[in-house]
Amino acid sequence: MAYETILYEVDGAVATVTINRPKALNAINPQVAGELVQVFAEIAADAAVKVVILTGSGSKAFIAGADIEAMFKMNPVEARNFSRLLQKITTQMESLAKPIIAAVQGFALGGGTEIAMACDFIYAAENAKFGQPEINLGIIPGAGGTQRLPRLVGKSWAMELCLTGDIIDVQLAKELGLVNRVFPADELMDAVQKTAAKIAAKGRVSTRAVKELINYGYDLPLEHALRLEAEAFGVCSTSPDKAEGMGAFMEKRKPEFTGEG
């Protein structure tokens, strides 16, 4: 379908979603949020897509946050509903049976940090900046920041960032474990696309299993999570990809995975 505030492209097995409001530093308003819900539903239904890249238009911002002008006009019910819509997006992203890589340049603030955290991992340019500055506006994070940030960087750092509203540079974000890798700005997309292609070449069943197990097992008692892993291990053994992967290893050739998942 046609989108007005995002760009959507599919190249082989890799889909790229670009927030496209560069004049507003790609800030999220209700229209952007609604279109993100739609595009991730489209991706979920497209069997050809195996990996997703999420980025922002231009070099100044991934997503500079939620659109403050739009939020200023919201009454309490509208604000709650907007928060729930943003949370729907991040939950939708985490539950998508396809890995999502965030490619972050410039500002990823407020909702930008929250959307990036809902991706499976983050590659960032050297100019990237992260933060939860909502408290400076008299509000709090509303797209999962108070919940995902402590799970990623620890309770103390999440407290400091959410209570001070400070913006951190990419090096500190990497030290905290928020960002996986840092690249010069002109090398970022090449690096993300290379990793996306590498993942897309793996088996669908095992790729989906890894994402689901890490996401859903993380907060479970270890004994329960290990049971889930054993069950998924058995399911992977039913896929044609097991025979292909192990056969290719023994035959000393590169595997060509075709299993559905």
Protein backbone atom coordinates (compact mmCIF):
# COMPACT_ATOMS: atom_id res chain seq x y z
CA MET A 1 0.00 0.00 0.00
CA ALA A 2 1.01 3.65 -0.32
CA TYR A 3 2.44 5.46 2.70
CA GLU A 4 2.77 9.21 3.24
CA THR A 5 5.19 9.47 6.17
CA ILE A 6 7.38 6.43 5.64
CA LEU A 7 9.26 4.84 2.77
CA TYR A 8 9.04 1.09 2.27
CA GLU A 9 11.34 -0.88 -0.01
CA VAL A 10 12.00 -4.58 -0.46
CA ASP A 11 15.25 -5.81 -1.99
CA GLY A 12 15.28 -9.58 -2.20
CA ALA A 13 14.70 -10.89 1.32
CA VAL A 14 15.47 -7.57 3.07
CA ALA A 15 12.85 -4.87 3.70
CA THR A 16 13.83 -1.31 4.60
CA VAL A 17 11.43 0.98 6.47
CA THR A 18 12.44 4.66 6.57
CA ILE A 19 10.66 7.26 8.69
CA ASN A 20 10.35 10.09 6.18
CA ARG A 21 9.69 13.43 7.91
CA PRO A 22 13.15 15.00 7.63
CA LYS A 23 11.88 18.58 8.15
CA ALA A 24 10.45 17.44 11.50
CA LEU A 25 13.55 15.33 12.26
CA ASN A 26 11.36 12.28 11.66
CA ALA A 27 9.28 12.95 14.78
CA ILE A 28 6.44 10.51 15.34
CA ASN A 29 2.89 11.81 15.17
CA PRO A 30 -0.29 9.70 15.11
CA GLN A 31 -0.09 9.33 11.32
CA VAL A 32 3.48 7.98 11.45
CA ALA A 33 2.46 5.63 14.25
CA GLY A 34 -0.52 4.34 12.29
CA GLU A 35 1.56 3.77 9.18
CA LEU A 36 4.19 1.88 11.17
CA VAL A 37 1.48 -0.45 12.46
CA GLN A 38 0.37 -1.01 8.87
CA VAL A 39 3.83 -1.56 7.41
CA PHE A 40 4.84 -4.11 10.06
CA ALA A 41 1.59 -5.97 9.42
CA GLU A 42 2.45 -5.96 5.72
CA ILE A 43 5.94 -7.27 6.48
CA ALA A 44 4.53 -10.02 8.69
CA ALA A 45 2.32 -11.19 5.83
CA ASP A 46 5.06 -11.09 3.18
CA ALA A 47 6.75 -14.48 3.03
CA ALA A 48 9.54 -13.09 0.85
CA VAL A 49 10.84 -10.79 3.59
CA LYS A 50 13.26 -12.39 6.06
CA VAL A 51 14.98 -9.37 7.67
CA VAL A 52 13.96 -5.74 8.27
CA ILE A 53 16.06 -2.56 8.47
CA LEU A 54 14.49 0.41 10.26
CA THR A 55 16.02 3.86 9.79
CA GLY A 56 15.24 7.55 9.46
CA SER A 57 15.44 9.89 6.49
CA GLY A 58 18.51 12.12 6.33
CA SER A 59 21.58 12.27 8.56
CA LYS A 60 20.23 14.49 11.36
CA ALA A 61 17.84 12.09 13.04
CA PHE A 62 16.67 8.51 13.27
CA ILE A 63 13.57 9.66 15.16
CA ALA A 64 13.95 12.84 17.23
CA GLY A 65 11.02 11.81 19.43
CA ALA A 66 7.27 12.16 19.39
CA ASP A 67 5.83 15.23 17.71
CA ILE A 68 5.56 17.74 20.57
CA GLU A 69 3.14 20.02 18.73
CA ALA A 70 0.78 17.08 18.27
CA MET A 71 1.17 15.96 21.89
CA PHE A 72 0.60 19.46 23.27
CA LYS A 73 -2.93 19.41 21.87
CA MET A 74 -3.81 15.99 23.33
CA ASN A 75 -6.16 15.63 26.27
CA PRO A 76 -5.41 12.88 28.86
CA VAL A 77 -7.46 10.24 27.03
CA GLU A 78 -5.82 11.07 23.69
CA ALA A 79 -2.37 10.99 25.33
CA ARG A 80 -3.05 7.56 26.84
CA ASN A 81 -4.30 6.26 23.51
CA PHE A 82 -1.22 7.65 21.74
CA SER A 83 1.00 5.90 24.29
CA ARG A 84 -0.86 2.64 23.74
CA LEU A 85 -0.51 3.03 19.96
CA LEU A 86 3.25 3.51 20.32
CA GLN A 87 3.41 0.51 22.62
CA LYS A 88 1.46 -1.49 20.05
CA ILE A 89 4.16 -0.72 17.49
CA THR A 90 7.03 -1.77 19.74
CA THR A 91 5.24 -4.96 20.81
CA GLN A 92 4.43 -5.67 17.15
CA MET A 93 8.12 -5.26 16.28
CA GLU A 94 9.29 -7.56 19.06
CA SER A 95 6.75 -10.24 18.16
CA LEU A 96 7.52 -10.08 14.44
CA ALA A 97 9.00 -13.44 13.40
CA LYS A 98 11.72 -11.62 11.45
CA PRO A 99 14.79 -9.83 12.85
CA ILE A 100 14.77 -6.02 12.80
CA ILE A 101 18.00 -4.02 12.72
CA ALA A 102 17.92 -0.32 13.67
CA ALA A 103 20.24 1.93 11.64
CA VAL A 104 20.59 5.10 13.69
CA GLN A 105 22.05 8.40 12.54
CA GLY A 106 21.73 11.62 14.53
CA PHE A 107 19.08 11.99 17.21
CA ALA A 108 17.20 8.99 18.59
CA LEU A 109 15.43 10.68 21.47
CA GLY A 110 12.34 9.79 23.48
CA GLY A 111 10.21 7.70 21.16
CA GLY A 112 13.25 7.35 18.91
CA THR A 113 15.21 5.55 21.60
CA GLU A 114 12.12 3.50 22.45
CA ILE A 115 11.51 2.43 18.84
CA ALA A 116 15.21 1.59 18.43
CA MET A 117 15.13 -0.54 21.60
CA ALA A 118 12.24 -2.56 20.16
CA CYS A 119 14.49 -3.58 17.27
CA ASP A 120 16.57 -6.71 17.78
CA PHE A 121 19.81 -4.75 17.80
CA ILE A 122 21.15 -1.32 16.91
CA TYR A 123 23.94 -0.23 14.57
CA ALA A 124 24.68 3.49 14.89
CA ALA A 125 26.65 6.23 13.20
CA GLU A 126 29.30 8.19 15.10
CA ASN A 127 26.93 11.19 15.30
CA ALA A 128 24.12 9.23 16.96
CA LYS A 129 22.68 10.47 20.26
CA PHE A 130 20.21 8.72 22.55
CA GLY A 131 18.09 9.74 25.51
CA GLN A 132 14.74 9.82 27.27
CA PRO A 133 14.24 13.60 27.71
CA GLU A 134 10.49 13.43 28.34
CA ILE A 135 10.88 14.54 31.95
CA ASN A 136 12.11 17.91 30.67
CA LEU A 137 8.63 18.36 29.16
CA GLY A 138 6.79 17.39 32.32
CA ILE A 139 5.91 13.91 31.08
CA ILE A 140 7.45 10.43 31.07
CA PRO A 141 8.42 7.92 28.37
CA GLY A 142 5.27 6.42 26.89
CA ALA A 143 6.48 3.87 24.35
CA GLY A 144 8.18 1.47 26.74
CA GLY A 145 11.19 3.52 27.87
CA THR A 146 10.71 2.92 31.58
CA GLN A 147 10.50 -0.82 30.94
CA ARG A 148 12.87 -1.70 28.09
CA LEU A 149 15.68 0.67 29.07
CA PRO A 150 16.36 -0.98 32.46
CA ARG A 151 16.27 -4.39 30.79
CA LEU A 152 18.97 -3.24 28.35
CA VAL A 153 21.24 -0.98 30.41
CA GLY A 154 20.34 -1.82 34.02
CA LYS A 155 18.09 -0.17 36.58
CA SER A 156 20.53 2.51 37.79
CA TRP A 157 21.41 3.87 34.36
CA ALA A 158 17.76 3.78 33.29
CA MET A 159 16.86 5.75 36.42
CA GLU A 160 19.52 8.37 35.71
CA LEU A 161 18.60 8.78 32.05
CA CYS A 162 14.83 8.95 32.66
CA LEU A 163 15.12 11.23 35.71
CA THR A 164 17.68 13.68 34.31
CA GLY A 165 16.52 13.68 30.71
CA ASP A 166 20.18 13.74 29.68
CA ILE A 167 21.21 12.96 26.11
CA ILE A 168 24.16 10.59 25.72
CA ASP A 169 26.57 10.14 22.84
CA VAL A 170 26.99 6.96 20.89
CA GLN A 171 30.14 5.83 22.68
CA LEU A 172 28.43 5.81 26.07
CA ALA A 173 25.39 4.15 24.50
CA LYS A 174 27.70 1.40 23.24
CA GLU A 175 29.41 1.04 26.63
CA LEU A 176 25.99 0.64 28.25
CA GLY A 177 25.00 -2.10 25.79
CA LEU A 178 22.30 -0.05 24.08
CA VAL A 179 24.20 -0.02 20.75
CA ASN A 180 25.95 -3.04 19.24
CA ARG A 181 28.31 -1.37 16.77
CA VAL A 182 29.38 2.13 15.73
CA PHE A 183 30.38 3.19 12.21
CA PRO A 184 31.31 6.37 10.36
CA ALA A 185 28.09 7.86 9.01
CA ASP A 186 28.95 7.09 5.38
CA GLU A 187 29.57 3.42 6.21
CA LEU A 188 26.51 2.77 8.39
CA MET A 189 23.97 1.59 5.81
CA ASP A 190 26.49 -0.61 4.02
CA ALA A 191 27.29 -2.30 7.32
CA VAL A 192 23.62 -2.75 8.21
CA GLN A 193 22.79 -4.14 4.77
CA LYS A 194 25.71 -6.55 4.95
CA THR A 195 24.54 -7.90 8.30
CA ALA A 196 20.93 -8.05 7.10
CA ALA A 197 22.00 -10.08 4.06
CA LYS A 198 24.01 -12.44 6.28
CA ILE A 199 20.99 -13.09 8.51
CA ALA A 200 18.64 -13.41 5.52
CA ALA A 201 20.81 -16.26 4.24
CA LYS A 202 20.08 -18.33 7.36
CA GLY A 203 17.16 -20.71 7.82
CA ARG A 204 13.77 -19.16 8.58
CA VAL A 205 12.81 -21.62 11.31
CA SER A 206 16.02 -21.24 13.28
CA THR A 207 16.10 -17.46 12.83
CA ARG A 208 12.57 -17.13 14.17
CA ALA A 209 13.34 -19.49 17.04
CA VAL A 210 16.39 -17.50 18.14
CA LYS A 211 14.42 -14.22 18.21
CA GLU A 212 11.48 -15.74 20.09
CA LEU A 213 13.62 -17.58 22.62
CA ILE A 214 15.78 -14.57 23.49
CA ASN A 215 12.80 -12.22 23.72
CA TYR A 216 10.40 -14.44 25.62
CA GLY A 217 12.89 -16.44 27.65
CA TYR A 218 14.80 -13.43 28.97
CA ASP A 219 12.46 -12.75 31.89
CA LEU A 220 11.57 -16.37 32.63
CA PRO A 221 13.23 -18.51 35.29
CA LEU A 222 16.19 -20.23 33.66
CA GLU A 223 14.71 -23.71 34.10
CA HIS A 224 11.55 -22.72 32.22
CA ALA A 225 13.48 -20.90 29.50
CA LEU A 226 15.70 -23.93 28.93
CA ARG A 227 12.61 -26.08 28.44
CA LEU A 228 11.45 -23.67 25.73
CA GLU A 229 14.86 -23.89 24.10
CA ALA A 230 14.76 -27.70 24.07
CA GLU A 231 11.30 -27.68 22.48
CA ALA A 232 12.42 -25.20 19.82
CA PHE A 233 15.56 -27.27 19.21
CA GLY A 234 13.32 -30.22 18.44
CA VAL A 235 11.12 -28.14 16.12
CA CYS A 236 14.19 -26.95 14.20
CA SER A 237 15.14 -30.58 13.64
CA THR A 238 11.91 -31.09 11.68
CA SER A 239 12.83 -28.37 9.17
CA PRO A 240 14.41 -29.18 5.80
CA ASP A 241 17.01 -26.58 6.80
CA LYS A 242 18.52 -29.00 9.32
CA ALA A 243 19.22 -31.59 6.62
CA GLU A 244 20.53 -28.88 4.29
CA GLY A 245 22.73 -27.18 6.88
CA MET A 246 24.28 -30.35 8.25
CA GLY A 247 24.55 -31.92 4.82
CA ALA A 248 26.35 -28.85 3.49
CA PHE A 249 28.73 -28.91 6.46
CA MET A 250 29.66 -32.54 5.85
CA GLU A 251 29.97 -31.93 2.10
CA LYS A 252 32.10 -28.81 2.73
CA ARG A 253 29.82 -26.48 0.76
CA LYS A 254 27.73 -23.39 1.50
CA PRO A 255 24.16 -24.24 2.56
CA GLU A 256 21.13 -22.96 0.69
CA PHE A 257 18.25 -22.78 3.13
CA THR A 258 14.74 -23.00 1.69
CA GLY A 259 12.65 -24.05 4.69
CA GLU A 260 9.50 -22.11 5.53
CA GLY A 261 8.89 -20.67 8.95
